[in-house]
Amino acid sequence: MKWSWKIARVFGIDVYMHATFLLLLAWVGVAHYLPRQNWGDVFSGIVFIVALFGVVILHELGHALTARKFGIRTRDITLLPIGGVARLERMPDDPKQELIVALAGPAVNVVLAGILFAIVLPASLIESLTKVHFIGGDFLANMMVVNIWLAVFNLIPAFPMDGGRVLRALLAMRIEYVRATQIAANIGQGMAFVFGFLGLIWPNPFLVFIALFVWLGAASEASMVQMKSALGGIPISRAMITEFNTVAPTDRLESAVQHILAGFQHDFPVVEDGRLVGVLTRGDLMKALAQKGPSATVREAMNEKFETADPSEMLESAFQRLQTCNCHSIPVVRNGSVVGMVTMDNVGEFIMIQSALRDARRAGSLPTPARAS
């Protein structure tokens, strides 16, 4: 994620802090300083927020380490002002596994709340007898309440909270996965509407922000699952771009610029003696142009580490790789030769075309394709 800095690596998972998290710390500091203008209040407020997000990291690790048990890696965890995001490579295909992964995060908060309750309750009894504040009960009690709140909040049945995934998993045990996702997304957007309405009535900007977050998260999840479903069982050869330009390592960058200006292509396979040796992306091209000028060679700008795909590979798999490889396109190679390109743009166009054809068939404008006997 852009504007993020790596702050730790836990159990082999990189933890990042987004730049906006600093805005939260600044806001907390100012909010604690203004009432009494005491720097001790500022320090205690920031310490509490840092401890809170330590809990958030543990919550996300609950998801990540449970997913690892099912063979699913976690790319990273990013801290945002609204919480944490653990980016799994994929969600489990088995609804029972998804249910377990989704519940693992809130389960961490429940366990932490239980531990803190066991500490805070005896501390409160001792304090009532001795009147001595030597355990810091207020801080621990607040952390206990925070864990309870995080567990309850995350179990709200609305994407992108864990409760939305729990609901989807339970529904998917009985009905088709895409339909289960759509139902869960609709429920989530209904709850977002309620949050937004309450936020405007009270008024409470935080509730309005949550409403927007939930609404967009639910829509995004439903769209993503529908897209994966539409791509299922379709080979790359049916959707790949077959008319494209290649460049050679010895070509000047200005030749790639001319290709970009003359057509739609952004990334170029770099071919030498008929063999794919690299990929020249638009980003790398622009960077090299700014640093070395148009007379520099493609070899000076190309990336020698790149993804490739086979024409028989499923389009769904290529789509997932395009999302995770930080690249805009993947060359399609058969017997060592580049035969096509697959990009996020042409995958999206393919889905739109397929959707339009399905609508036409439903309307009776096109005959239904005959099934092979």
Protein backbone atom coordinates (compact mmCIF):
# COMPACT_ATOMS: atom_id res chain seq x y z
CA MET A 1 0.00 0.00 0.00
CA LYS A 2 1.35 3.44 -0.96
CA TRP A 3 2.39 5.91 1.74
CA SER A 4 3.13 3.08 4.17
CA TRP A 5 6.29 2.36 6.13
CA LYS A 6 7.43 -1.00 7.42
CA ILE A 7 7.62 -0.92 11.23
CA ALA A 8 7.98 -4.59 12.16
CA ARG A 9 8.03 -8.19 10.98
CA VAL A 10 6.05 -10.62 13.12
CA PHE A 11 5.87 -14.38 12.44
CA GLY A 12 7.29 -13.72 8.98
CA ILE A 13 4.60 -11.11 8.17
CA ASP A 14 5.57 -7.51 7.43
CA VAL A 15 3.65 -4.89 9.43
CA TYR A 16 3.25 -1.45 7.86
CA MET A 17 2.01 1.87 9.21
CA HIS A 18 0.11 4.12 6.81
CA ALA A 19 1.01 7.80 6.80
CA THR A 20 -2.52 8.73 7.90
CA PHE A 21 -1.87 6.92 11.18
CA LEU A 22 0.40 9.83 12.13
CA LEU A 23 -2.58 12.16 11.71
CA LEU A 24 -4.46 10.07 14.27
CA LEU A 25 -1.56 10.34 16.74
CA ALA A 26 -1.42 14.11 16.19
CA TRP A 27 -5.17 14.45 16.73
CA VAL A 28 -5.02 12.38 19.93
CA GLY A 29 -2.12 14.48 21.20
CA VAL A 30 -3.93 17.76 20.57
CA ALA A 31 -7.21 16.47 22.04
CA HIS A 32 -5.43 15.43 25.25
CA TYR A 33 -3.37 18.61 25.52
CA LEU A 34 -6.13 21.22 25.15
CA PRO A 35 -8.28 20.50 28.26
CA ARG A 36 -5.49 20.97 30.86
CA GLN A 37 -2.50 21.84 28.63
CA ASN A 38 -0.56 19.06 30.31
CA TRP A 39 2.10 17.14 28.38
CA GLY A 40 1.57 14.17 30.68
CA ASP A 41 -1.97 13.89 29.33
CA VAL A 42 -0.58 13.92 25.79
CA PHE A 43 1.86 11.14 26.63
CA SER A 44 -0.81 8.97 28.26
CA GLY A 45 -3.19 9.47 25.33
CA ILE A 46 -0.57 8.48 22.75
CA VAL A 47 0.54 5.47 24.82
CA PHE A 48 -3.07 4.29 24.97
CA ILE A 49 -3.52 4.63 21.19
CA VAL A 50 -0.26 2.77 20.55
CA ALA A 51 -1.41 0.01 22.92
CA LEU A 52 -4.77 -0.07 21.14
CA PHE A 53 -3.14 -0.62 17.79
CA GLY A 54 -0.91 -3.27 19.34
CA VAL A 55 -4.18 -5.06 20.07
CA VAL A 56 -5.25 -4.46 16.46
CA ILE A 57 -2.05 -6.14 15.24
CA LEU A 58 -2.77 -9.15 17.47
CA HIS A 59 -6.32 -9.25 16.03
CA GLU A 60 -4.99 -9.30 12.46
CA LEU A 61 -2.36 -11.90 13.37
CA GLY A 62 -5.23 -14.07 14.57
CA HIS A 63 -6.60 -14.05 11.02
CA ALA A 64 -3.18 -14.42 9.39
CA LEU A 65 -1.86 -17.31 11.48
CA THR A 66 -5.16 -19.18 11.22
CA ALA A 67 -5.14 -18.74 7.45
CA ARG A 68 -1.57 -20.06 7.42
CA LYS A 69 -2.89 -23.30 8.94
CA PHE A 70 -4.95 -23.72 5.77
CA GLY A 71 -2.00 -23.00 3.48
CA ILE A 72 -2.89 -19.36 2.80
CA ARG A 73 -0.11 -16.78 3.12
CA THR A 74 -0.59 -13.22 4.34
CA ARG A 75 1.17 -10.60 2.25
CA ASP A 76 1.27 -7.95 4.97
CA ILE A 77 -0.61 -6.12 7.69
CA THR A 78 -1.18 -2.36 7.42
CA LEU A 79 -2.23 -0.07 10.27
CA LEU A 80 -4.77 2.59 9.31
CA PRO A 81 -6.60 5.13 11.50
CA ILE A 82 -9.72 2.95 11.20
CA GLY A 83 -7.90 -0.24 12.26
CA GLY A 84 -5.77 -2.89 10.62
CA VAL A 85 -5.90 -4.71 7.27
CA ALA A 86 -4.36 -8.16 6.80
CA ARG A 87 -3.97 -8.86 3.09
CA LEU A 88 -4.42 -12.59 2.58
CA GLU A 89 -3.33 -14.06 -0.75
CA ARG A 90 -6.86 -15.41 -1.08
CA MET A 91 -9.86 -16.35 1.02
CA PRO A 92 -10.35 -20.06 1.76
CA ASP A 93 -12.48 -21.91 -0.79
CA ASP A 94 -14.10 -24.00 1.95
CA PRO A 95 -16.78 -21.96 3.79
CA LYS A 96 -15.93 -23.77 7.05
CA GLN A 97 -12.32 -22.64 6.77
CA GLU A 98 -13.41 -19.08 5.96
CA LEU A 99 -15.63 -19.15 9.05
CA ILE A 100 -12.71 -20.19 11.25
CA VAL A 101 -10.36 -17.57 9.75
CA ALA A 102 -12.99 -14.82 10.15
CA LEU A 103 -13.68 -15.73 13.79
CA ALA A 104 -9.99 -15.96 14.72
CA GLY A 105 -9.53 -12.17 14.96
CA PRO A 106 -12.45 -11.49 17.34
CA ALA A 107 -11.45 -14.60 19.30
CA VAL A 108 -8.09 -12.94 20.05
CA ASN A 109 -9.94 -9.91 21.48
CA VAL A 110 -12.18 -12.13 23.60
CA VAL A 111 -9.14 -13.92 25.06
CA LEU A 112 -7.36 -10.62 25.78
CA ALA A 113 -10.50 -9.21 27.39
CA GLY A 114 -10.73 -12.30 29.59
CA ILE A 115 -7.09 -11.98 30.68
CA LEU A 116 -7.51 -8.28 31.46
CA PHE A 117 -10.73 -8.97 33.36
CA ALA A 118 -8.87 -11.48 35.51
CA ILE A 119 -6.29 -8.78 36.29
CA VAL A 120 -8.64 -5.82 36.69
CA LEU A 121 -11.20 -7.50 38.98
CA PRO A 122 -8.71 -8.49 41.72
CA ALA A 123 -7.05 -5.08 41.34
CA SER A 124 -10.40 -3.35 41.92
CA LEU A 125 -11.06 -5.44 45.05
CA ILE A 126 -7.61 -4.67 46.45
CA GLU A 127 -8.00 -0.97 45.65
CA SER A 128 -11.32 -0.80 47.48
CA LEU A 129 -9.60 -2.15 50.60
CA THR A 130 -6.32 -0.25 50.50
CA LYS A 131 -7.16 2.86 48.42
CA VAL A 132 -3.70 2.64 46.87
CA HIS A 133 -3.43 3.09 43.03
CA PHE A 134 -0.48 0.84 42.34
CA ILE A 135 -1.71 -1.39 39.49
CA GLY A 136 -2.96 1.18 36.95
CA GLY A 137 -6.47 -0.21 36.91
CA ASP A 138 -7.87 2.57 34.73
CA PHE A 139 -5.57 1.79 31.81
CA LEU A 140 -6.13 -1.96 32.05
CA ALA A 141 -9.88 -1.53 32.44
CA ASN A 142 -9.96 0.69 29.37
CA MET A 143 -7.98 -1.88 27.39
CA MET A 144 -10.42 -4.58 28.51
CA VAL A 145 -13.36 -2.49 27.29
CA VAL A 146 -11.55 -1.80 24.00
CA ASN A 147 -11.09 -5.53 23.37
CA ILE A 148 -14.75 -6.19 24.09
CA TRP A 149 -15.73 -3.35 21.76
CA LEU A 150 -13.42 -4.59 18.99
CA ALA A 151 -14.83 -8.11 19.23
CA VAL A 152 -18.43 -6.89 19.10
CA PHE A 153 -17.83 -4.28 16.39
CA ASN A 154 -15.98 -6.71 14.12
CA LEU A 155 -18.78 -9.26 14.41
CA ILE A 156 -21.33 -6.85 12.91
CA PRO A 157 -22.59 -8.80 9.85
CA ALA A 158 -21.33 -6.34 7.27
CA PHE A 159 -18.35 -6.36 4.92
CA PRO A 160 -15.51 -5.59 5.32
CA MET A 161 -15.84 -6.49 9.02
CA ASP A 162 -15.27 -10.08 10.11
CA GLY A 163 -18.98 -10.50 10.78
CA GLY A 164 -19.71 -10.06 7.08
CA ARG A 165 -17.37 -12.93 6.25
CA VAL A 166 -18.87 -15.03 9.03
CA LEU A 167 -22.34 -14.44 7.60
CA ARG A 168 -21.15 -15.21 4.05
CA ALA A 169 -19.48 -18.45 5.22
CA LEU A 170 -22.63 -19.59 7.05
CA LEU A 171 -24.79 -18.83 4.01
CA ALA A 172 -22.31 -20.50 1.64
CA MET A 173 -22.71 -23.76 3.54
CA ARG A 174 -26.29 -23.84 2.24
CA ILE A 175 -26.40 -21.83 -0.98
CA GLU A 176 -24.10 -20.92 -3.88
CA TYR A 177 -21.07 -18.78 -2.92
CA VAL A 178 -21.78 -15.80 -5.20
CA ARG A 179 -25.39 -15.65 -4.00
CA ALA A 180 -24.22 -15.88 -0.37
CA THR A 181 -21.83 -12.98 -0.97
CA GLN A 182 -24.55 -10.87 -2.55
CA ILE A 183 -26.93 -11.46 0.37
CA ALA A 184 -24.22 -10.64 2.92
CA ALA A 185 -23.25 -7.51 0.94
CA ASN A 186 -26.87 -6.33 0.78
CA ILE A 187 -27.25 -6.79 4.55
CA GLY A 188 -23.99 -4.89 5.07
CA GLN A 189 -25.14 -1.99 2.91
CA GLY A 190 -28.45 -1.93 4.78
CA MET A 191 -26.56 -1.60 8.05
CA ALA A 192 -24.37 1.09 6.49
CA PHE A 193 -27.53 3.05 5.66
CA VAL A 194 -28.66 2.77 9.31
CA PHE A 195 -25.23 3.90 10.56
CA GLY A 196 -25.25 6.86 8.19
CA PHE A 197 -28.78 7.87 9.17
CA LEU A 198 -27.95 7.73 12.89
CA GLY A 199 -24.73 9.65 12.27
CA LEU A 200 -26.65 12.46 10.59
CA ILE A 201 -29.41 12.55 13.20
CA TRP A 202 -27.20 12.74 16.33
CA PRO A 203 -24.92 14.10 14.61
CA ASN A 204 -21.83 11.87 14.74
CA PRO A 205 -19.21 12.19 11.94
CA PHE A 206 -17.54 8.94 13.05
CA LEU A 207 -20.74 6.96 12.40
CA VAL A 208 -21.06 8.58 8.97
CA PHE A 209 -17.46 7.60 8.22
CA ILE A 210 -18.12 4.00 9.31
CA ALA A 211 -21.24 3.94 7.13
CA LEU A 212 -19.25 4.99 4.07
CA PHE A 213 -16.51 2.48 4.89
CA VAL A 214 -19.00 -0.40 5.24
CA TRP A 215 -20.98 0.58 2.12
CA LEU A 216 -17.89 0.69 -0.11
CA GLY A 217 -16.46 -2.48 1.46
CA ALA A 218 -19.65 -4.45 0.84
CA ALA A 219 -19.90 -3.25 -2.76
CA SER A 220 -16.24 -4.07 -3.41
CA GLU A 221 -16.52 -7.59 -1.97
CA ALA A 222 -19.63 -8.40 -4.01
CA SER A 223 -18.04 -7.06 -7.19
CA MET A 224 -14.82 -9.01 -6.62
CA VAL A 225 -16.60 -12.33 -6.04
CA GLN A 226 -18.80 -11.83 -9.10
CA MET A 227 -15.71 -11.10 -11.17
CA LYS A 228 -13.92 -14.24 -9.97
CA SER A 229 -17.03 -16.29 -10.69
CA ALA A 230 -17.29 -14.87 -14.20
CA LEU A 231 -13.67 -15.84 -14.90
CA GLY A 232 -13.93 -19.38 -13.55
CA GLY A 233 -13.14 -22.13 -16.07
CA ILE A 234 -12.07 -19.73 -18.86
CA PRO A 235 -8.53 -20.14 -20.30
CA ILE A 236 -6.33 -17.10 -20.86
CA SER A 237 -6.22 -17.86 -24.59
CA ARG A 238 -9.87 -16.72 -24.89
CA ALA A 239 -9.23 -13.27 -23.45
CA MET A 240 -5.59 -12.41 -24.08
CA ILE A 241 -4.46 -9.59 -26.37
CA THR A 242 -2.97 -11.07 -29.52
CA GLU A 243 -2.06 -7.86 -31.35
CA PHE A 244 0.78 -6.18 -29.48
CA ASN A 245 4.22 -4.67 -29.99
CA THR A 246 7.50 -5.97 -28.64
CA VAL A 247 10.80 -4.18 -28.21
CA ALA A 248 14.40 -5.36 -28.22
CA PRO A 249 16.95 -4.65 -25.46
CA THR A 250 18.97 -2.54 -27.89
CA ASP A 251 16.03 -0.37 -29.01
CA ARG A 252 15.95 3.26 -27.90
CA LEU A 253 13.33 4.30 -25.38
CA GLU A 254 11.92 6.69 -27.96
CA SER A 255 10.67 3.70 -29.99
CA ALA A 256 8.60 2.52 -27.01
CA VAL A 257 7.28 6.07 -26.61
CA GLN A 258 6.10 6.01 -30.23
CA HIS A 259 4.27 2.71 -29.61
CA ILE A 260 2.49 4.20 -26.58
CA LEU A 261 1.45 7.33 -28.49
CA ALA A 262 0.28 5.29 -31.49
CA GLY A 263 -1.89 2.80 -29.62
CA PHE A 264 -3.29 1.42 -26.38
CA GLN A 265 -0.29 -0.60 -25.17
CA HIS A 266 1.39 0.44 -21.91
CA ASP A 267 3.81 -2.42 -21.19
CA PHE A 268 6.08 -4.16 -23.69
CA PRO A 269 7.64 -7.63 -23.77
CA VAL A 270 11.36 -7.33 -24.39
CA VAL A 271 12.38 -10.00 -26.88
CA GLU A 272 15.91 -10.97 -27.94
CA ASP A 273 16.52 -13.68 -30.55
CA GLY A 274 12.90 -14.78 -30.17
CA ARG A 275 13.23 -15.23 -26.40
CA LEU A 276 11.48 -13.17 -23.71
CA VAL A 277 14.20 -11.51 -21.62
CA GLY A 278 12.30 -8.77 -19.80
CA VAL A 279 9.31 -6.47 -19.57
CA LEU A 280 9.33 -2.70 -20.07
CA THR A 281 6.52 -1.17 -18.04
CA ARG A 282 5.16 2.31 -18.58
CA GLY A 283 6.30 3.29 -15.07
CA ASP A 284 9.87 2.12 -15.70
CA LEU A 285 9.83 3.80 -19.11
CA MET A 286 8.79 7.18 -17.69
CA LYS A 287 11.35 6.95 -14.91
CA ALA A 288 14.15 6.15 -17.36
CA LEU A 289 13.04 8.93 -19.72
CA ALA A 290 13.24 11.46 -16.88
CA GLN A 291 16.65 10.24 -15.72
CA LYS A 292 18.42 9.22 -18.96
CA GLY A 293 16.46 10.70 -21.85
CA PRO A 294 14.89 9.09 -24.96
CA SER A 295 18.22 7.92 -26.38
CA ALA A 296 18.78 5.42 -23.56
CA THR A 297 18.29 1.77 -24.44
CA VAL A 298 15.45 -0.48 -23.37
CA ARG A 299 17.96 -2.69 -21.56
CA GLU A 300 18.67 0.18 -19.16
CA ALA A 301 14.99 0.46 -18.17
CA MET A 302 13.50 -3.03 -18.51
CA ASN A 303 12.64 -5.31 -15.62
CA GLU A 304 14.30 -8.72 -15.79
CA LYS A 305 12.07 -10.15 -13.03
CA PHE A 306 8.59 -10.64 -14.42
CA GLU A 307 5.53 -12.88 -14.39
CA THR A 308 4.51 -15.07 -17.33
CA ALA A 309 1.43 -17.12 -18.06
CA ASP A 310 0.53 -20.10 -20.24
CA PRO A 311 -2.38 -19.80 -22.71
CA SER A 312 -4.09 -22.78 -21.05
CA GLU A 313 -3.92 -21.22 -17.55
CA MET A 314 -7.28 -20.18 -16.14
CA LEU A 315 -8.14 -16.50 -16.41
CA GLU A 316 -9.16 -16.40 -12.73
CA SER A 317 -5.61 -17.38 -11.73
CA ALA A 318 -4.11 -14.70 -13.99
CA PHE A 319 -6.49 -12.11 -12.52
CA GLN A 320 -5.35 -12.98 -8.99
CA ARG A 321 -1.71 -12.71 -10.03
CA LEU A 322 -2.29 -9.33 -11.65
CA GLN A 323 -3.66 -8.13 -8.32
CA THR A 324 -0.65 -9.33 -6.34
CA CYS A 325 2.35 -8.86 -8.64
CA ASN A 326 2.27 -5.02 -8.71
CA CYS A 327 2.28 -5.22 -12.50
CA HIS A 328 -0.23 -4.03 -15.08
CA SER A 329 0.25 -6.87 -17.55
CA ILE A 330 1.56 -10.42 -17.86
CA PRO A 331 3.11 -11.81 -21.10
CA VAL A 332 1.55 -15.08 -22.28
CA VAL A 333 4.23 -17.52 -23.44
CA ARG A 334 3.94 -20.77 -25.42
CA ASN A 335 7.05 -22.83 -26.21
CA GLY A 336 9.28 -19.90 -25.33
CA SER A 337 7.54 -17.43 -27.64
CA VAL A 338 5.30 -14.54 -26.57
CA VAL A 339 1.85 -15.18 -28.04
CA GLY A 340 -0.22 -12.65 -26.10
CA MET A 341 -0.63 -10.24 -23.22
CA VAL A 342 -3.15 -10.25 -20.41
CA THR A 343 -3.89 -7.01 -18.54
CA MET A 344 -6.37 -5.81 -15.93
CA ASP A 345 -8.01 -3.67 -18.62
CA ASN A 346 -8.65 -6.46 -21.08
CA VAL A 347 -9.83 -8.79 -18.30
CA GLY A 348 -12.35 -6.14 -17.32
CA GLU A 349 -13.43 -5.70 -20.95
CA PHE A 350 -13.80 -9.46 -21.36
CA ILE A 351 -16.09 -9.59 -18.32
CA MET A 352 -18.22 -6.72 -19.66
CA ILE A 353 -18.57 -8.45 -23.03
CA GLN A 354 -19.54 -11.75 -21.41
CA SER A 355 -22.07 -9.96 -19.20
CA ALA A 356 -23.61 -8.21 -22.23
CA LEU A 357 -23.87 -11.52 -24.10
CA ARG A 358 -25.56 -13.17 -21.11
CA ASP A 359 -28.08 -10.33 -20.94
CA ALA A 360 -28.76 -10.73 -24.66
CA ARG A 361 -29.38 -14.45 -24.27
CA ARG A 362 -31.76 -13.86 -21.38
CA ALA A 363 -33.64 -11.36 -23.48
CA GLY A 364 -33.83 -13.87 -26.36
CA SER A 365 -31.70 -11.76 -28.71
CA LEU A 366 -29.10 -14.51 -29.01
CA PRO A 367 -29.49 -18.31 -29.06
CA THR A 368 -28.23 -20.18 -26.02
CA PRO A 369 -24.93 -21.95 -26.86
CA ALA A 370 -25.42 -25.66 -27.48
CA ARG A 371 -23.94 -27.98 -24.91
CA ALA A 372 -21.60 -30.72 -25.97
CA SER A 373 -23.18 -34.15 -25.63
